[in-house]
Amino acid sequence: MKIFFLGLVGLFLGAIAGGVIGVGLGFLRTTVAHASDFEGYSGMLVFTGFMSAGIVFGAVLGAAGLGYLASRDEAS
């Protein structure tokens, strides 16, 4: 049961951290590549592309990481 709940906590915290990192990387990409700001193109790219991918990757890595740590703790 501990593994499940720590996995959920990791999912939530990983999604938040991944979203923040994704937004940062998206803003960096639009700045370096001089993406067009016409009608909010760069904002749509950041929030629909980079933030979404960051949330997914962060949630998966956070849940797997905390789940692994919880399972390793119970074995000892």
N, C-alpha and C. Protein backbone atom coordinates (compact mmCIF):
# COMPACT_ATOMS: atom_id res chain seq x y z
N MET A 1 0.82 -1.19 0.00
CA MET A 1 0.00 0.00 0.00
C MET A 1 0.87 1.26 0.00
N LYS A 2 2.01 1.17 0.71
CA LYS A 2 2.93 2.30 0.77
C LYS A 2 3.49 2.61 -0.61
N ILE A 3 3.78 1.57 -1.38
CA ILE A 3 4.32 1.77 -2.73
C ILE A 3 3.31 2.50 -3.61
N PHE A 4 2.05 2.12 -3.49
CA PHE A 4 1.00 2.74 -4.29
C PHE A 4 0.87 4.23 -3.99
N PHE A 5 0.81 4.58 -2.71
CA PHE A 5 0.62 5.97 -2.34
C PHE A 5 1.86 6.82 -2.65
N LEU A 6 3.03 6.26 -2.45
CA LEU A 6 4.23 7.00 -2.83
C LEU A 6 4.33 7.13 -4.35
N GLY A 7 3.84 6.15 -5.08
CA GLY A 7 3.78 6.27 -6.53
C GLY A 7 2.86 7.39 -6.97
N LEU A 8 1.72 7.54 -6.28
CA LEU A 8 0.81 8.64 -6.60
C LEU A 8 1.42 10.00 -6.27
N VAL A 9 2.11 10.07 -5.14
CA VAL A 9 2.79 11.31 -4.78
C VAL A 9 3.86 11.64 -5.82
N GLY A 10 4.61 10.63 -6.23
CA GLY A 10 5.63 10.83 -7.26
C GLY A 10 5.02 11.26 -8.58
N LEU A 11 3.86 10.70 -8.91
CA LEU A 11 3.16 11.08 -10.14
C LEU A 11 2.80 12.56 -10.10
N PHE A 12 2.24 13.00 -8.99
CA PHE A 12 1.81 14.38 -8.84
C PHE A 12 2.99 15.34 -8.84
N LEU A 13 3.99 15.07 -8.02
CA LEU A 13 5.15 15.97 -7.94
C LEU A 13 5.98 15.94 -9.22
N GLY A 14 6.09 14.77 -9.84
CA GLY A 14 6.81 14.68 -11.10
C GLY A 14 6.12 15.44 -12.21
N ALA A 15 4.79 15.42 -12.22
CA ALA A 15 4.04 16.17 -13.23
C ALA A 15 4.25 17.67 -13.07
N ILE A 16 4.27 18.13 -11.83
CA ILE A 16 4.50 19.55 -11.59
C ILE A 16 5.90 19.95 -12.02
N ALA A 17 6.89 19.18 -11.57
CA ALA A 17 8.28 19.50 -11.91
C ALA A 17 8.51 19.38 -13.42
N GLY A 18 7.95 18.36 -14.04
CA GLY A 18 8.10 18.20 -15.48
C GLY A 18 7.46 19.33 -16.27
N GLY A 19 6.30 19.79 -15.81
CA GLY A 19 5.66 20.92 -16.47
C GLY A 19 6.48 22.19 -16.38
N VAL A 20 7.05 22.44 -15.21
CA VAL A 20 7.88 23.63 -15.03
C VAL A 20 9.14 23.54 -15.90
N ILE A 21 9.77 22.38 -15.91
CA ILE A 21 10.97 22.20 -16.74
C ILE A 21 10.61 22.31 -18.21
N GLY A 22 9.47 21.75 -18.60
CA GLY A 22 9.03 21.84 -19.99
C GLY A 22 8.78 23.28 -20.43
N VAL A 23 8.18 24.08 -19.56
CA VAL A 23 7.95 25.49 -19.90
C VAL A 23 9.28 26.22 -20.04
N GLY A 24 10.20 25.94 -19.13
CA GLY A 24 11.51 26.57 -19.23
C GLY A 24 12.24 26.20 -20.51
N LEU A 25 12.21 24.93 -20.85
CA LEU A 25 12.86 24.50 -22.09
C LEU A 25 12.15 25.06 -23.32
N GLY A 26 10.84 25.18 -23.25
CA GLY A 26 10.09 25.75 -24.37
C GLY A 26 10.42 27.22 -24.59
N PHE A 27 10.50 27.98 -23.49
CA PHE A 27 10.88 29.38 -23.63
C PHE A 27 12.31 29.52 -24.13
N LEU A 28 13.19 28.63 -23.67
CA LEU A 28 14.57 28.64 -24.15
C LEU A 28 14.61 28.35 -25.66
N ARG A 29 13.83 27.37 -26.09
CA ARG A 29 13.82 27.00 -27.52
C ARG A 29 13.29 28.15 -28.38
N THR A 30 12.22 28.81 -27.93
CA THR A 30 11.67 29.90 -28.73
C THR A 30 12.61 31.10 -28.77
N THR A 31 13.38 31.29 -27.69
CA THR A 31 14.34 32.39 -27.67
C THR A 31 15.53 32.10 -28.57
N VAL A 32 16.09 30.90 -28.46
CA VAL A 32 17.28 30.54 -29.23
C VAL A 32 16.95 30.44 -30.72
N ALA A 33 15.80 29.86 -31.04
CA ALA A 33 15.44 29.65 -32.45
C ALA A 33 14.71 30.84 -33.05
N HIS A 34 14.50 31.90 -32.27
CA HIS A 34 13.80 33.09 -32.74
C HIS A 34 12.45 32.74 -33.37
N ALA A 35 11.65 31.97 -32.63
CA ALA A 35 10.32 31.58 -33.13
C ALA A 35 9.42 32.81 -33.24
N SER A 36 8.53 32.78 -34.19
CA SER A 36 7.63 33.89 -34.44
C SER A 36 6.64 34.04 -33.29
N ASP A 37 6.38 35.28 -32.89
CA ASP A 37 5.37 35.57 -31.88
C ASP A 37 4.04 35.97 -32.51
N PHE A 38 3.92 35.84 -33.82
CA PHE A 38 2.72 36.25 -34.51
C PHE A 38 1.53 35.43 -34.02
N GLU A 39 0.53 36.12 -33.51
CA GLU A 39 -0.71 35.53 -33.00
C GLU A 39 -0.46 34.44 -31.96
N GLY A 40 0.57 34.60 -31.16
CA GLY A 40 0.81 33.68 -30.05
C GLY A 40 1.39 32.35 -30.42
N TYR A 41 2.08 32.27 -31.55
CA TYR A 41 2.64 30.99 -31.99
C TYR A 41 3.60 30.43 -30.96
N SER A 42 4.50 31.25 -30.45
CA SER A 42 5.50 30.73 -29.52
C SER A 42 4.85 30.28 -28.22
N GLY A 43 3.84 30.98 -27.75
CA GLY A 43 3.13 30.55 -26.54
C GLY A 43 2.40 29.24 -26.74
N MET A 44 1.78 29.06 -27.90
CA MET A 44 1.11 27.79 -28.18
C MET A 44 2.12 26.66 -28.26
N LEU A 45 3.27 26.91 -28.84
CA LEU A 45 4.32 25.89 -28.93
C LEU A 45 4.79 25.49 -27.54
N VAL A 46 5.02 26.46 -26.67
CA VAL A 46 5.51 26.17 -25.33
C VAL A 46 4.48 25.40 -24.53
N PHE A 47 3.25 25.88 -24.50
CA PHE A 47 2.27 25.29 -23.60
C PHE A 47 1.58 24.04 -24.14
N THR A 48 1.50 23.88 -25.43
CA THR A 48 0.89 22.65 -25.93
C THR A 48 1.92 21.58 -26.27
N GLY A 49 3.12 21.99 -26.57
CA GLY A 49 4.16 21.02 -26.93
C GLY A 49 5.06 20.66 -25.78
N PHE A 50 5.81 21.65 -25.33
CA PHE A 50 6.83 21.38 -24.33
C PHE A 50 6.25 21.09 -22.94
N MET A 51 5.26 21.87 -22.53
CA MET A 51 4.68 21.64 -21.21
C MET A 51 3.97 20.29 -21.15
N SER A 52 3.24 19.95 -22.17
CA SER A 52 2.54 18.66 -22.19
C SER A 52 3.51 17.49 -22.13
N ALA A 53 4.56 17.56 -22.92
CA ALA A 53 5.56 16.49 -22.90
C ALA A 53 6.27 16.44 -21.55
N GLY A 54 6.56 17.59 -20.97
CA GLY A 54 7.21 17.63 -19.67
C GLY A 54 6.34 17.03 -18.58
N ILE A 55 5.04 17.28 -18.62
CA ILE A 55 4.12 16.72 -17.63
C ILE A 55 4.09 15.20 -17.74
N VAL A 56 4.00 14.69 -18.94
CA VAL A 56 3.94 13.24 -19.13
C VAL A 56 5.23 12.57 -18.67
N PHE A 57 6.37 13.07 -19.14
CA PHE A 57 7.65 12.47 -18.76
C PHE A 57 7.92 12.61 -17.27
N GLY A 58 7.62 13.77 -16.72
CA GLY A 58 7.84 13.98 -15.29
C GLY A 58 6.96 13.09 -14.43
N ALA A 59 5.70 12.92 -14.82
CA ALA A 59 4.80 12.07 -14.06
C ALA A 59 5.26 10.62 -14.08
N VAL A 60 5.65 10.14 -15.24
CA VAL A 60 6.10 8.74 -15.35
C VAL A 60 7.38 8.54 -14.55
N LEU A 61 8.35 9.43 -14.69
CA LEU A 61 9.61 9.29 -13.97
C LEU A 61 9.42 9.46 -12.47
N GLY A 62 8.57 10.38 -12.06
CA GLY A 62 8.33 10.58 -10.63
C GLY A 62 7.65 9.39 -10.00
N ALA A 63 6.64 8.84 -10.65
CA ALA A 63 5.94 7.67 -10.11
C ALA A 63 6.86 6.46 -10.07
N ALA A 64 7.62 6.25 -11.12
CA ALA A 64 8.52 5.10 -11.15
C ALA A 64 9.63 5.26 -10.12
N GLY A 65 10.15 6.47 -9.98
CA GLY A 65 11.24 6.70 -9.04
C GLY A 65 10.82 6.52 -7.59
N LEU A 66 9.71 7.14 -7.19
CA LEU A 66 9.27 6.98 -5.81
C LEU A 66 8.73 5.59 -5.54
N GLY A 67 8.12 4.97 -6.53
CA GLY A 67 7.68 3.58 -6.36
C GLY A 67 8.85 2.65 -6.16
N TYR A 68 9.91 2.89 -6.90
CA TYR A 68 11.12 2.07 -6.74
C TYR A 68 11.74 2.27 -5.37
N LEU A 69 11.82 3.53 -4.93
CA LEU A 69 12.39 3.80 -3.62
C LEU A 69 11.56 3.18 -2.50
N ALA A 70 10.25 3.20 -2.65
CA ALA A 70 9.38 2.60 -1.63
C ALA A 70 9.52 1.09 -1.61
N SER A 71 9.66 0.47 -2.77
CA SER A 71 9.80 -0.99 -2.81
C SER A 71 11.15 -1.41 -2.27
N ARG A 72 12.15 -0.63 -2.50
CA ARG A 72 13.49 -0.95 -1.99
C ARG A 72 13.54 -0.79 -0.47
N ASP A 73 12.82 0.17 0.06
CA ASP A 73 12.79 0.41 1.50
C ASP A 73 12.11 -0.75 2.25
N GLU A 74 11.05 -1.31 1.67
CA GLU A 74 10.33 -2.42 2.33
C GLU A 74 11.14 -3.71 2.33
N ALA A 75 12.02 -3.88 1.37
CA ALA A 75 12.78 -5.12 1.29
C ALA A 75 13.84 -5.22 2.39
N SER A 76 14.28 -4.10 2.92
CA SER A 76 15.33 -4.16 3.95
C SER A 76 14.80 -4.19 5.35
